[in-house]
Amino acid sequence: MKQAQDEDHHRPHHGDFGRLGSRNTSRKQMNGAVSTMSAAQPADRSPHEVLERYHQAMLAMSADDLADLYEVDAVHELPFLFPGMPACLKGREEVRATYRAAWEHSTARASALRDVTVHTTSDPEVVIAEQTVVGTVTGSGEPFAFSNVLVIRVRGGLITQVRDYMDGLRIAHSLGRLPAVTAILEGERL
């Protein structure tokens, strides 16, 4: 992993995430391979370990593994428009149910994460990941790639808050659903 320092990076903050202070960044590639991470108890997991498990659950499309990373009353926000997903998921069980339904009905199959850059913030509970999700659309075999930024707060080894900046329109386009999304959005105009 490549490490870098950026000493002078301060930005305004939103919500409970604090601000980005001096940070360490690392870049890696992640394929759908099984990890050799230890089975640390949740309270012993660092934000980086939780992020690694989050990535594994996402690539495996395991709603149970993903939800088990969350505190019971955690909040998962999707600030950008993501057709078919609510703007906010409240609680572990809503995360579980929403991702289970989304993944069961999706024809998109993520196979790897590319260009992953992990930022450690001045707040030890917060980790930020920039990444590109790549995969294929079942049926057509068409490849897709979309950018994503995750801002994750971890307390006691469990996720308490996620801000998930996903490129939902690119995903809709990759799945051939952009005309339907456009029609829905046009219908919402006042």
Protein backbone atom coordinates (compact mmCIF):
# COMPACT_ATOMS: atom_id res chain seq x y z
CA MET A 1 0.00 0.00 0.00
CA LYS A 2 1.23 3.44 -0.90
CA GLN A 3 1.10 5.96 1.97
CA ALA A 4 1.12 9.73 1.56
CA GLN A 5 0.75 12.74 3.83
CA ASP A 6 -1.27 15.86 3.11
CA GLU A 7 -0.77 18.27 5.99
CA ASP A 8 -2.82 21.25 4.88
CA HIS A 9 -6.22 19.88 3.91
CA HIS A 10 -9.14 21.47 5.80
CA ARG A 11 -12.68 21.57 4.45
CA PRO A 12 -16.03 22.56 5.91
CA HIS A 13 -17.83 19.63 7.46
CA HIS A 14 -21.36 18.31 7.28
CA GLY A 15 -23.30 16.33 9.83
CA ASP A 16 -21.38 14.53 12.54
CA PHE A 17 -18.24 13.74 10.53
CA GLY A 18 -15.95 16.51 11.69
CA ARG A 19 -13.55 18.02 9.23
CA LEU A 20 -10.81 16.56 7.20
CA GLY A 21 -7.56 17.45 8.88
CA SER A 22 -4.15 16.08 8.12
CA ARG A 23 -4.70 12.74 6.53
CA ASN A 24 -2.97 9.60 5.52
CA THR A 25 -4.02 8.12 2.22
CA SER A 26 -3.49 4.71 0.78
CA ARG A 27 -4.33 3.24 -2.61
CA LYS A 28 -5.18 -0.35 -3.39
CA GLN A 29 -7.08 -2.59 -5.75
CA MET A 30 -9.64 -5.05 -4.43
CA ASN A 31 -10.98 -7.99 -6.38
CA GLY A 32 -13.73 -10.31 -5.22
CA ALA A 33 -11.18 -12.51 -3.44
CA VAL A 34 -11.66 -13.79 0.10
CA SER A 35 -9.80 -11.78 2.70
CA THR A 36 -7.41 -13.21 5.24
CA MET A 37 -8.43 -10.68 7.88
CA SER A 38 -8.63 -11.90 11.45
CA ALA A 39 -11.99 -12.45 13.04
CA ALA A 40 -11.62 -9.49 15.40
CA GLN A 41 -14.46 -8.80 17.79
CA PRO A 42 -16.47 -5.74 16.71
CA ALA A 43 -15.16 -3.55 19.54
CA ASP A 44 -11.58 -4.30 18.43
CA ARG A 45 -12.13 -3.30 14.78
CA SER A 46 -10.61 -0.08 13.54
CA PRO A 47 -12.43 2.07 10.97
CA HIS A 48 -10.02 0.69 8.34
CA GLU A 49 -10.90 -2.91 9.26
CA VAL A 50 -14.60 -2.08 9.12
CA LEU A 51 -14.12 -0.51 5.68
CA GLU A 52 -12.33 -3.66 4.48
CA ARG A 53 -15.26 -5.80 5.70
CA TYR A 54 -17.71 -3.36 4.09
CA HIS A 55 -15.91 -3.84 0.76
CA GLN A 56 -16.01 -7.63 1.15
CA ALA A 57 -19.75 -7.62 1.90
CA MET A 58 -20.42 -5.35 -1.07
CA LEU A 59 -18.48 -7.53 -3.51
CA ALA A 60 -20.16 -10.67 -2.14
CA MET A 61 -23.54 -8.88 -2.29
CA SER A 62 -24.19 -10.09 1.26
CA ALA A 63 -26.78 -7.90 2.94
CA ASP A 64 -26.32 -9.83 6.19
CA ASP A 65 -22.55 -9.33 6.29
CA LEU A 66 -23.01 -5.66 5.43
CA ALA A 67 -25.74 -5.00 8.01
CA ASP A 68 -23.82 -6.82 10.74
CA LEU A 69 -21.18 -4.08 10.48
CA TYR A 70 -23.73 -1.46 11.59
CA GLU A 71 -24.77 -0.34 15.05
CA VAL A 72 -28.46 -1.09 15.70
CA ASP A 73 -29.46 2.58 15.29
CA ALA A 74 -26.93 3.56 12.60
CA VAL A 75 -27.79 5.92 9.76
CA HIS A 76 -26.82 5.31 6.11
CA GLU A 77 -27.34 8.38 3.93
CA LEU A 78 -27.35 8.53 0.13
CA PRO A 79 -27.07 12.31 -0.46
CA PHE A 80 -26.98 12.02 -4.28
CA LEU A 81 -29.97 10.93 -6.31
CA PHE A 82 -29.96 7.14 -6.54
CA PRO A 83 -33.10 5.92 -8.32
CA GLY A 84 -34.79 3.11 -6.43
CA MET A 85 -33.00 3.80 -3.13
CA PRO A 86 -34.23 5.97 -0.27
CA ALA A 87 -32.16 8.99 0.68
CA CYS A 88 -31.66 7.66 4.20
CA LEU A 89 -31.67 4.23 5.82
CA LYS A 90 -32.27 4.22 9.57
CA GLY A 91 -31.04 1.29 11.57
CA ARG A 92 -29.23 -1.97 10.92
CA GLU A 93 -32.36 -3.86 9.88
CA GLU A 94 -33.37 -1.24 7.30
CA VAL A 95 -29.84 -1.44 5.83
CA ARG A 96 -30.19 -5.23 5.72
CA ALA A 97 -33.66 -5.22 4.10
CA THR A 98 -32.88 -2.47 1.59
CA TYR A 99 -29.61 -3.95 0.37
CA ARG A 100 -31.05 -7.48 0.28
CA ALA A 101 -33.90 -6.30 -1.95
CA ALA A 102 -31.64 -4.13 -4.12
CA TRP A 103 -29.06 -6.86 -4.67
CA GLU A 104 -31.66 -9.60 -5.26
CA HIS A 105 -33.29 -7.54 -8.03
CA SER A 106 -30.19 -6.00 -9.59
CA THR A 107 -28.62 -7.30 -12.77
CA ALA A 108 -25.39 -5.45 -11.93
CA ARG A 109 -22.69 -7.69 -10.47
CA ALA A 110 -19.71 -5.88 -8.97
CA SER A 111 -16.51 -7.86 -9.41
CA ALA A 112 -13.83 -5.51 -8.10
CA LEU A 113 -12.97 -2.15 -6.62
CA ARG A 114 -10.35 -0.14 -8.48
CA ASP A 115 -8.44 3.01 -7.66
CA VAL A 116 -9.32 2.77 -3.97
CA THR A 117 -7.89 5.67 -1.99
CA VAL A 118 -8.46 5.60 1.77
CA HIS A 119 -8.19 8.85 3.72
CA THR A 120 -7.64 8.90 7.46
CA THR A 121 -9.06 12.09 8.95
CA SER A 122 -8.15 14.04 12.06
CA ASP A 123 -11.16 12.33 13.67
CA PRO A 124 -10.06 8.77 14.58
CA GLU A 125 -13.63 7.46 14.15
CA VAL A 126 -13.91 8.56 10.51
CA VAL A 127 -12.47 6.98 7.38
CA ILE A 128 -13.12 8.12 3.81
CA ALA A 129 -12.80 5.88 0.76
CA GLU A 130 -12.76 7.00 -2.86
CA GLN A 131 -13.22 4.09 -5.24
CA THR A 132 -14.41 2.87 -8.60
CA VAL A 133 -16.75 -0.11 -8.60
CA VAL A 134 -16.44 -2.29 -11.70
CA GLY A 135 -18.43 -5.28 -12.87
CA THR A 136 -20.78 -6.62 -15.49
CA VAL A 137 -24.48 -6.55 -16.22
CA THR A 138 -25.89 -10.07 -16.24
CA GLY A 139 -27.67 -11.02 -19.43
CA SER A 140 -25.91 -8.50 -21.64
CA GLY A 141 -22.41 -9.06 -20.27
CA GLU A 142 -21.81 -5.31 -20.64
CA PRO A 143 -19.13 -3.94 -18.32
CA PHE A 144 -19.84 -1.04 -15.98
CA ALA A 145 -17.79 1.26 -13.77
CA PHE A 146 -18.95 3.98 -11.42
CA SER A 147 -17.29 6.25 -8.91
CA ASN A 148 -18.21 6.19 -5.26
CA VAL A 149 -17.10 7.98 -2.11
CA LEU A 150 -17.87 6.56 1.32
CA VAL A 151 -17.55 8.58 4.52
CA ILE A 152 -17.86 6.15 7.41
CA ARG A 153 -17.98 6.81 11.16
CA VAL A 154 -17.11 3.80 13.34
CA ARG A 155 -17.57 3.69 17.11
CA GLY A 156 -16.88 0.58 19.17
CA GLY A 157 -16.03 -1.33 15.99
CA LEU A 158 -19.46 -0.77 14.41
CA ILE A 159 -20.68 1.73 11.83
CA THR A 160 -22.77 4.52 13.32
CA GLN A 161 -23.03 6.67 10.19
CA VAL A 162 -22.34 6.37 6.46
CA ARG A 163 -22.57 9.02 3.78
CA ASP A 164 -22.57 7.08 0.52
CA TYR A 165 -21.95 9.29 -2.52
CA MET A 166 -22.81 6.86 -5.31
CA ASP A 167 -23.18 7.73 -9.00
CA GLY A 168 -26.73 6.39 -9.29
CA LEU A 169 -27.36 7.88 -12.72
CA ARG A 170 -24.33 6.11 -14.19
CA ILE A 171 -25.60 2.86 -12.69
CA ALA A 172 -29.07 3.46 -14.19
CA HIS A 173 -27.44 4.16 -17.55
CA SER A 174 -25.35 0.96 -17.35
CA LEU A 175 -28.49 -1.05 -16.64
CA GLY A 176 -30.41 0.54 -19.51
CA ARG A 177 -32.80 2.24 -17.08
CA LEU A 178 -31.88 5.87 -17.68
CA PRO A 179 -34.95 6.61 -19.89
CA ALA A 180 -37.25 5.27 -17.15
CA VAL A 181 -35.45 7.33 -14.50
CA THR A 182 -35.69 10.43 -16.68
CA ALA A 183 -39.42 9.84 -17.15
CA ILE A 184 -39.92 9.49 -13.38
CA LEU A 185 -37.96 12.68 -12.73
CA GLU A 186 -39.86 14.55 -15.44
CA GLY A 187 -43.12 13.46 -13.79
CA GLU A 188 -41.95 14.91 -10.46
CA ARG A 189 -41.59 18.44 -11.86
CA LEU A 190 -44.06 20.96 -10.56
